[in-house]
């Protein structure tokens, strides 16, 4: 059934897509200021950030929330 995901705004969007969008929108410096985690502050890269975010649910939740805020502002 596809109805279980119909109201999920993140359905079909990968974590990598989210991270790339945020980096393009804010840049690493601003992203590190908004979400204070080392993978965004100290020698940031998409690969290292994805590795951390996939292992750390609270950090991933913050990234997803920021992404949804950015999308809401772009509409």
PDB file of N, CA and C in Angstrom:
ATOM      1  N   UNK A   1       0.832  -1.190   0.000  1.00  0.00           N
ATOM      2  CA  UNK A   1       0.000   0.000   0.000  1.00  0.00           C
ATOM      3  C   UNK A   1       0.875   1.252   0.000  1.00  0.00           C
ATOM      4  N   UNK A   2       0.535   2.210  -0.775  1.00  0.00           N
ATOM      5  CA  UNK A   2       1.288   3.448  -0.824  1.00  0.00           C
ATOM      6  C   UNK A   2       0.684   4.532   0.061  1.00  0.00           C
ATOM      7  N   UNK A   3      -0.442   4.296   0.643  1.00  0.00           N
ATOM      8  CA  UNK A   3      -1.095   5.315   1.452  1.00  0.00           C
ATOM      9  C   UNK A   3      -0.336   5.619   2.735  1.00  0.00           C
ATOM     10  N   UNK A   4       0.501   4.709   3.215  1.00  0.00           N
ATOM     11  CA  UNK A   4       1.209   4.951   4.474  1.00  0.00           C
ATOM     12  C   UNK A   4       2.254   6.051   4.332  1.00  0.00           C
ATOM     13  N   UNK A   5       2.725   6.338   3.111  1.00  0.00           N
ATOM     14  CA  UNK A   5       3.746   7.357   2.901  1.00  0.00           C
ATOM     15  C   UNK A   5       3.214   8.624   2.219  1.00  0.00           C
ATOM     16  N   UNK A   6       1.958   8.674   1.954  1.00  0.00           N
ATOM     17  CA  UNK A   6       1.434   9.767   1.160  1.00  0.00           C
ATOM     18  C   UNK A   6       1.577  11.128   1.842  1.00  0.00           C
ATOM     19  N   UNK A   7       1.582  11.205   3.155  1.00  0.00           N
ATOM     20  CA  UNK A   7       1.722  12.480   3.848  1.00  0.00           C
ATOM     21  C   UNK A   7       3.132  12.719   4.374  1.00  0.00           C
ATOM     22  N   UNK A   8       4.081  11.878   4.009  1.00  0.00           N
ATOM     23  CA  UNK A   8       5.460  12.023   4.454  1.00  0.00           C
ATOM     24  C   UNK A   8       6.216  12.881   3.436  1.00  0.00           C
ATOM     25  N   UNK A   9       6.592  14.121   3.808  1.00  0.00           N
ATOM     26  CA  UNK A   9       7.266  15.000   2.852  1.00  0.00           C
ATOM     27  C   UNK A   9       8.669  14.523   2.480  1.00  0.00           C
ATOM     28  N   UNK A  10       9.254  13.615   3.257  1.00  0.00           N
ATOM     29  CA  UNK A  10      10.588  13.111   2.965  1.00  0.00           C
ATOM     30  C   UNK A  10      10.583  11.804   2.172  1.00  0.00           C
ATOM     31  N   UNK A  11       9.409  11.301   1.864  1.00  0.00           N
ATOM     32  CA  UNK A  11       9.322  10.034   1.129  1.00  0.00           C
ATOM     33  C   UNK A  11       9.971  10.169  -0.240  1.00  0.00           C
ATOM     34  N   UNK A  12      10.895   9.276  -0.537  1.00  0.00           N
ATOM     35  CA  UNK A  12      11.572   9.279  -1.822  1.00  0.00           C
ATOM     36  C   UNK A  12      12.786  10.180  -1.901  1.00  0.00           C
ATOM     37  N   UNK A  13      13.101  10.864  -0.811  1.00  0.00           N
ATOM     38  CA  UNK A  13      14.256  11.760  -0.780  1.00  0.00           C
ATOM     39  C   UNK A  13      15.326  11.121   0.095  1.00  0.00           C
ATOM     40  N   UNK A  14      16.507  10.939  -0.470  1.00  0.00           N
ATOM     41  CA  UNK A  14      17.584  10.295   0.289  1.00  0.00           C
ATOM     42  C   UNK A  14      18.265  11.297   1.207  1.00  0.00           C
ATOM     43  N   UNK A  15      18.947  10.773   2.205  1.00  0.00           N
ATOM     44  CA  UNK A  15      19.710  11.618   3.112  1.00  0.00           C
ATOM     45  C   UNK A  15      20.789  12.385   2.347  1.00  0.00           C
ATOM     46  N   UNK A  16      21.377  11.753   1.364  1.00  0.00           N
ATOM     47  CA  UNK A  16      22.398  12.429   0.552  1.00  0.00           C
ATOM     48  C   UNK A  16      21.799  13.607  -0.214  1.00  0.00           C
ATOM     49  N   UNK A  17      20.605  13.439  -0.742  1.00  0.00           N
ATOM     50  CA  UNK A  17      19.939  14.538  -1.442  1.00  0.00           C
ATOM     51  C   UNK A  17      19.655  15.697  -0.483  1.00  0.00           C
ATOM     52  N   UNK A  18      19.208  15.368   0.712  1.00  0.00           N
ATOM     53  CA  UNK A  18      18.929  16.387   1.727  1.00  0.00           C
ATOM     54  C   UNK A  18      20.200  17.151   2.065  1.00  0.00           C
ATOM     55  N   UNK A  19      21.272  16.416   2.349  1.00  0.00           N
ATOM     56  CA  UNK A  19      22.531  17.042   2.738  1.00  0.00           C
ATOM     57  C   UNK A  19      23.082  17.918   1.615  1.00  0.00           C
ATOM     58  N   UNK A  20      23.070  17.422   0.400  1.00  0.00           N
ATOM     59  CA  UNK A  20      23.557  18.224  -0.730  1.00  0.00           C
ATOM     60  C   UNK A  20      22.746  19.498  -0.915  1.00  0.00           C
ATOM     61  N   UNK A  21      21.437  19.398  -0.739  1.00  0.00           N
ATOM     62  CA  UNK A  21      20.581  20.586  -0.857  1.00  0.00           C
ATOM     63  C   UNK A  21      20.953  21.614   0.210  1.00  0.00           C
ATOM     64  N   UNK A  22      21.124  21.163   1.448  1.00  0.00           N
ATOM     65  CA  UNK A  22      21.457  22.080   2.543  1.00  0.00           C
ATOM     66  C   UNK A  22      22.833  22.704   2.346  1.00  0.00           C
ATOM     67  N   UNK A  23      23.796  21.930   1.889  1.00  0.00           N
ATOM     68  CA  UNK A  23      25.141  22.475   1.651  1.00  0.00           C
ATOM     69  C   UNK A  23      25.094  23.506   0.527  1.00  0.00           C
ATOM     70  N   UNK A  24      24.351  23.228  -0.526  1.00  0.00           N
ATOM     71  CA  UNK A  24      24.226  24.201  -1.620  1.00  0.00           C
ATOM     72  C   UNK A  24      23.488  25.454  -1.168  1.00  0.00           C
ATOM     73  N   UNK A  25      22.518  25.289  -0.299  1.00  0.00           N
ATOM     74  CA  UNK A  25      21.698  26.412   0.168  1.00  0.00           C
ATOM     75  C   UNK A  25      22.447  27.279   1.179  1.00  0.00           C
ATOM     76  N   UNK A  26      23.083  26.642   2.191  1.00  0.00           N
ATOM     77  CA  UNK A  26      23.724  27.367   3.270  1.00  0.00           C
ATOM     78  C   UNK A  26      25.243  27.443   3.151  1.00  0.00           C
ATOM     79  N   UNK A  27      25.871  26.404   2.628  1.00  0.00           N
ATOM     80  CA  UNK A  27      27.324  26.274   2.711  1.00  0.00           C
ATOM     81  C   UNK A  27      27.676  25.587   4.025  1.00  0.00           C
ATOM     82  N   UNK A  28      28.889  25.026   4.082  1.00  0.00           N
ATOM     83  CA  UNK A  28      29.282  24.275   5.276  1.00  0.00           C
ATOM     84  C   UNK A  28      29.363  25.159   6.522  1.00  0.00           C
ATOM     85  N   UNK A  29      29.870  26.387   6.387  1.00  0.00           N
ATOM     86  CA  UNK A  29      30.025  27.260   7.558  1.00  0.00           C
ATOM     87  C   UNK A  29      28.685  27.553   8.231  1.00  0.00           C
ATOM     88  N   UNK A  30      27.717  27.971   7.430  1.00  0.00           N
ATOM     89  CA  UNK A  30      26.399  28.284   7.997  1.00  0.00           C
ATOM     90  C   UNK A  30      25.689  27.034   8.496  1.00  0.00           C
ATOM     91  N   UNK A  31      25.845  25.940   7.782  1.00  0.00           N
ATOM     92  CA  UNK A  31      25.234  24.687   8.231  1.00  0.00           C
ATOM     93  C   UNK A  31      25.805  24.274   9.578  1.00  0.00           C
ATOM     94  N   UNK A  32      27.114  24.442   9.760  1.00  0.00           N
ATOM     95  CA  UNK A  32      27.753  24.154  11.047  1.00  0.00           C
ATOM     96  C   UNK A  32      27.291  25.071  12.159  1.00  0.00           C
ATOM     97  N   UNK A  33      26.947  26.310  11.822  1.00  0.00           N
ATOM     98  CA  UNK A  33      26.413  27.233  12.836  1.00  0.00           C
ATOM     99  C   UNK A  33      24.982  26.862  13.234  1.00  0.00           C
ATOM    100  N   UNK A  34      24.202  26.420  12.266  1.00  0.00           N
ATOM    101  CA  UNK A  34      22.804  26.085  12.541  1.00  0.00           C
ATOM    102  C   UNK A  34      22.650  24.744  13.252  1.00  0.00           C
ATOM    103  N   UNK A  35      23.491  23.776  12.879  1.00  0.00           N
ATOM    104  CA  UNK A  35      23.467  22.457  13.521  1.00  0.00           C
ATOM    105  C   UNK A  35      24.886  22.182  14.001  1.00  0.00           C
ATOM    106  N   UNK A  36      25.098  22.301  15.302  1.00  0.00           N
ATOM    107  CA  UNK A  36      26.441  22.228  15.878  1.00  0.00           C
ATOM    108  C   UNK A  36      26.904  20.784  16.040  1.00  0.00           C
ATOM    109  N   UNK A  37      27.362  20.194  14.952  1.00  0.00           N
ATOM    110  CA  UNK A  37      27.974  18.872  15.021  1.00  0.00           C
ATOM    111  C   UNK A  37      29.301  18.935  14.270  1.00  0.00           C
ATOM    112  N   UNK A  38      30.287  18.204  14.770  1.00  0.00           N
ATOM    113  CA  UNK A  38      31.646  18.287  14.243  1.00  0.00           C
ATOM    114  C   UNK A  38      31.761  17.954  12.768  1.00  0.00           C
ATOM    115  N   UNK A  39      30.961  17.042  12.269  1.00  0.00           N
ATOM    116  CA  UNK A  39      31.093  16.668  10.851  1.00  0.00           C
ATOM    117  C   UNK A  39      30.741  17.838   9.931  1.00  0.00           C
ATOM    118  N   UNK A  40      30.075  18.869  10.428  1.00  0.00           N
ATOM    119  CA  UNK A  40      29.783  20.059   9.638  1.00  0.00           C
ATOM    120  C   UNK A  40      30.791  21.175   9.891  1.00  0.00           C
ATOM    121  N   UNK A  41      31.555  21.071  10.977  1.00  0.00           N
ATOM    122  CA  UNK A  41      32.440  22.150  11.401  1.00  0.00           C
ATOM    123  C   UNK A  41      33.904  21.857  11.090  1.00  0.00           C
ATOM    124  N   UNK A  42      34.359  20.679  11.417  1.00  0.00           N
ATOM    125  CA  UNK A  42      35.765  20.324  11.289  1.00  0.00           C
ATOM    126  C   UNK A  42      35.990  19.460  10.045  1.00  0.00           C
ATOM    127  N   UNK A  43      36.615  20.035   9.028  1.00  0.00           N
ATOM    128  CA  UNK A  43      36.924  19.336   7.780  1.00  0.00           C
ATOM    129  C   UNK A  43      35.695  18.626   7.206  1.00  0.00           C
ATOM    130  N   UNK A  44      34.636  19.381   6.904  1.00  0.00           N
ATOM    131  CA  UNK A  44      33.380  18.760   6.464  1.00  0.00           C
ATOM    132  C   UNK A  44      33.466  18.147   5.069  1.00  0.00           C
ATOM    133  N   UNK A  45      32.753  17.055   4.893  1.00  0.00           N
ATOM    134  CA  UNK A  45      32.565  16.449   3.576  1.00  0.00           C
ATOM    135  C   UNK A  45      31.229  15.719   3.588  1.00  0.00           C
ATOM    136  N   UNK A  46      30.696  15.509   2.429  1.00  0.00           N
ATOM    137  CA  UNK A  46      29.417  14.810   2.317  1.00  0.00           C
ATOM    138  C   UNK A  46      29.572  13.373   2.818  1.00  0.00           C
ATOM    139  N   UNK A  47      30.651  12.712   2.439  1.00  0.00           N
ATOM    140  CA  UNK A  47      30.855  11.309   2.815  1.00  0.00           C
ATOM    141  C   UNK A  47      30.935  11.143   4.325  1.00  0.00           C
ATOM    142  N   UNK A  48      31.754  11.961   4.991  1.00  0.00           N
ATOM    143  CA  UNK A  48      31.890  11.810   6.448  1.00  0.00           C
ATOM    144  C   UNK A  48      30.608  12.207   7.167  1.00  0.00           C
ATOM    145  N   UNK A  49      29.923  13.210   6.650  1.00  0.00           N
ATOM    146  CA  UNK A  49      28.668  13.641   7.269  1.00  0.00           C
ATOM    147  C   UNK A  49      27.593  12.576   7.136  1.00  0.00           C
ATOM    148  N   UNK A  50      27.489  11.964   5.965  1.00  0.00           N
ATOM    149  CA  UNK A  50      26.509  10.896   5.768  1.00  0.00           C
ATOM    150  C   UNK A  50      26.785   9.727   6.708  1.00  0.00           C
ATOM    151  N   UNK A  51      28.037   9.377   6.853  1.00  0.00           N
ATOM    152  CA  UNK A  51      28.412   8.279   7.739  1.00  0.00           C
ATOM    153  C   UNK A  51      27.951   8.568   9.172  1.00  0.00           C
ATOM    154  N   UNK A  52      28.195   9.787   9.639  1.00  0.00           N
ATOM    155  CA  UNK A  52      27.787  10.166  10.992  1.00  0.00           C
ATOM    156  C   UNK A  52      26.266  10.219  11.123  1.00  0.00           C
ATOM    157  N   UNK A  53      25.605  10.849  10.173  1.00  0.00           N
ATOM    158  CA  UNK A  53      24.151  11.031  10.252  1.00  0.00           C
ATOM    159  C   UNK A  53      23.398   9.705  10.205  1.00  0.00           C
ATOM    160  N   UNK A  54      23.926   8.742   9.468  1.00  0.00           N
ATOM    161  CA  UNK A  54      23.258   7.438   9.399  1.00  0.00           C
ATOM    162  C   UNK A  54      23.365   6.673  10.712  1.00  0.00           C
ATOM    163  N   UNK A  55      24.368   6.981  11.513  1.00  0.00           N
ATOM    164  CA  UNK A  55      24.565   6.298  12.790  1.00  0.00           C
ATOM    165  C   UNK A  55      23.961   7.055  13.974  1.00  0.00           C
ATOM    166  N   UNK A  56      23.535   8.302  13.763  1.00  0.00           N
ATOM    167  CA  UNK A  56      23.133   9.172  14.864  1.00  0.00           C
ATOM    168  C   UNK A  56      21.732   9.735  14.609  1.00  0.00           C
ATOM    169  N   UNK A  57      20.713   9.069  15.148  1.00  0.00           N
ATOM    170  CA  UNK A  57      19.327   9.482  14.861  1.00  0.00           C
ATOM    171  C   UNK A  57      18.991  10.923  15.255  1.00  0.00           C
ATOM    172  N   UNK A  58      19.501  11.416  16.385  1.00  0.00           N
ATOM    173  CA  UNK A  58      19.157  12.781  16.806  1.00  0.00           C
ATOM    174  C   UNK A  58      19.730  13.809  15.824  1.00  0.00           C
ATOM    175  N   UNK A  59      20.921  13.565  15.299  1.00  0.00           N
ATOM    176  CA  UNK A  59      21.525  14.493  14.344  1.00  0.00           C
ATOM    177  C   UNK A  59      20.773  14.448  13.015  1.00  0.00           C
ATOM    178  N   UNK A  60      20.420  13.242  12.589  1.00  0.00           N
ATOM    179  CA  UNK A  60      19.657  13.104  11.343  1.00  0.00           C
ATOM    180  C   UNK A  60      18.312  13.822  11.459  1.00  0.00           C
ATOM    181  N   UNK A  61      17.670  13.710  12.609  1.00  0.00           N
ATOM    182  CA  UNK A  61      16.384  14.383  12.814  1.00  0.00           C
ATOM    183  C   UNK A  61      16.538  15.902  12.694  1.00  0.00           C
ATOM    184  N   UNK A  62      17.642  16.459  13.201  1.00  0.00           N
ATOM    185  CA  UNK A  62      17.877  17.902  13.095  1.00  0.00           C
ATOM    186  C   UNK A  62      18.092  18.315  11.648  1.00  0.00           C
ATOM    187  N   UNK A  63      18.834  17.513  10.910  1.00  0.00           N
ATOM    188  CA  UNK A  63      19.093  17.804   9.495  1.00  0.00           C
ATOM    189  C   UNK A  63      17.784  17.739   8.703  1.00  0.00           C
ATOM    190  N   UNK A  64      16.990  16.722   8.943  1.00  0.00           N
ATOM    191  CA  UNK A  64      15.714  16.594   8.239  1.00  0.00           C
ATOM    192  C   UNK A  64      14.773  17.744   8.583  1.00  0.00           C
ATOM    193  N   UNK A  65      14.760  18.169   9.836  1.00  0.00           N
ATOM    194  CA  UNK A  65      13.898  19.286  10.243  1.00  0.00           C
ATOM    195  C   UNK A  65      14.340  20.587   9.567  1.00  0.00           C
ATOM    196  N   UNK A  66      15.644  20.820   9.503  1.00  0.00           N
ATOM    197  CA  UNK A  66      16.147  22.014   8.827  1.00  0.00           C
ATOM    198  C   UNK A  66      15.792  21.980   7.344  1.00  0.00           C
ATOM    199  N   UNK A  67      15.911  20.832   6.732  1.00  0.00           N
ATOM    200  CA  UNK A  67      15.564  20.667   5.315  1.00  0.00           C
ATOM    201  C   UNK A  67      14.085  21.007   5.090  1.00  0.00           C
ATOM    202  N   UNK A  68      13.217  20.517   5.948  1.00  0.00           N
ATOM    203  CA  UNK A  68      11.788  20.807   5.804  1.00  0.00           C
ATOM    204  C   UNK A  68      11.515  22.303   5.991  1.00  0.00           C
ATOM    205  N   UNK A  69      12.235  22.952   6.909  1.00  0.00           N
ATOM    206  CA  UNK A  69      12.092  24.394   7.093  1.00  0.00           C
ATOM    207  C   UNK A  69      12.520  25.159   5.841  1.00  0.00           C
ATOM    208  N   UNK A  70      13.628  24.712   5.243  1.00  0.00           N
ATOM    209  CA  UNK A  70      14.103  25.364   4.018  1.00  0.00           C
ATOM    210  C   UNK A  70      13.091  25.186   2.894  1.00  0.00           C
ATOM    211  N   UNK A  71      12.558  23.984   2.749  1.00  0.00           N
ATOM    212  CA  UNK A  71      11.556  23.747   1.698  1.00  0.00           C
ATOM    213  C   UNK A  71      10.323  24.616   1.903  1.00  0.00           C
ATOM    214  N   UNK A  72       9.900  24.753   3.147  1.00  0.00           N
ATOM    215  CA  UNK A  72       8.726  25.564   3.442  1.00  0.00           C
ATOM    216  C   UNK A  72       8.986  27.032   3.087  1.00  0.00           C
ATOM    217  N   UNK A  73      10.206  27.475   3.311  1.00  0.00           N
ATOM    218  CA  UNK A  73      10.566  28.856   2.981  1.00  0.00           C
ATOM    219  C   UNK A  73      10.720  29.110   1.497  1.00  0.00           C
ATOM    220  N   UNK A  74      11.014  28.073   0.736  1.00  0.00           N
ATOM    221  CA  UNK A  74      11.195  28.213  -0.706  1.00  0.00           C
ATOM    222  C   UNK A  74       9.880  28.240  -1.471  1.00  0.00           C
ATOM    223  N   UNK A  75       8.796  27.832  -0.839  1.00  0.00           N
ATOM    224  CA  UNK A  75       7.494  27.777  -1.523  1.00  0.00           C
ATOM    225  C   UNK A  75       6.832  29.112  -1.544  1.00  0.00           C
TER     226      UNK A  75
END
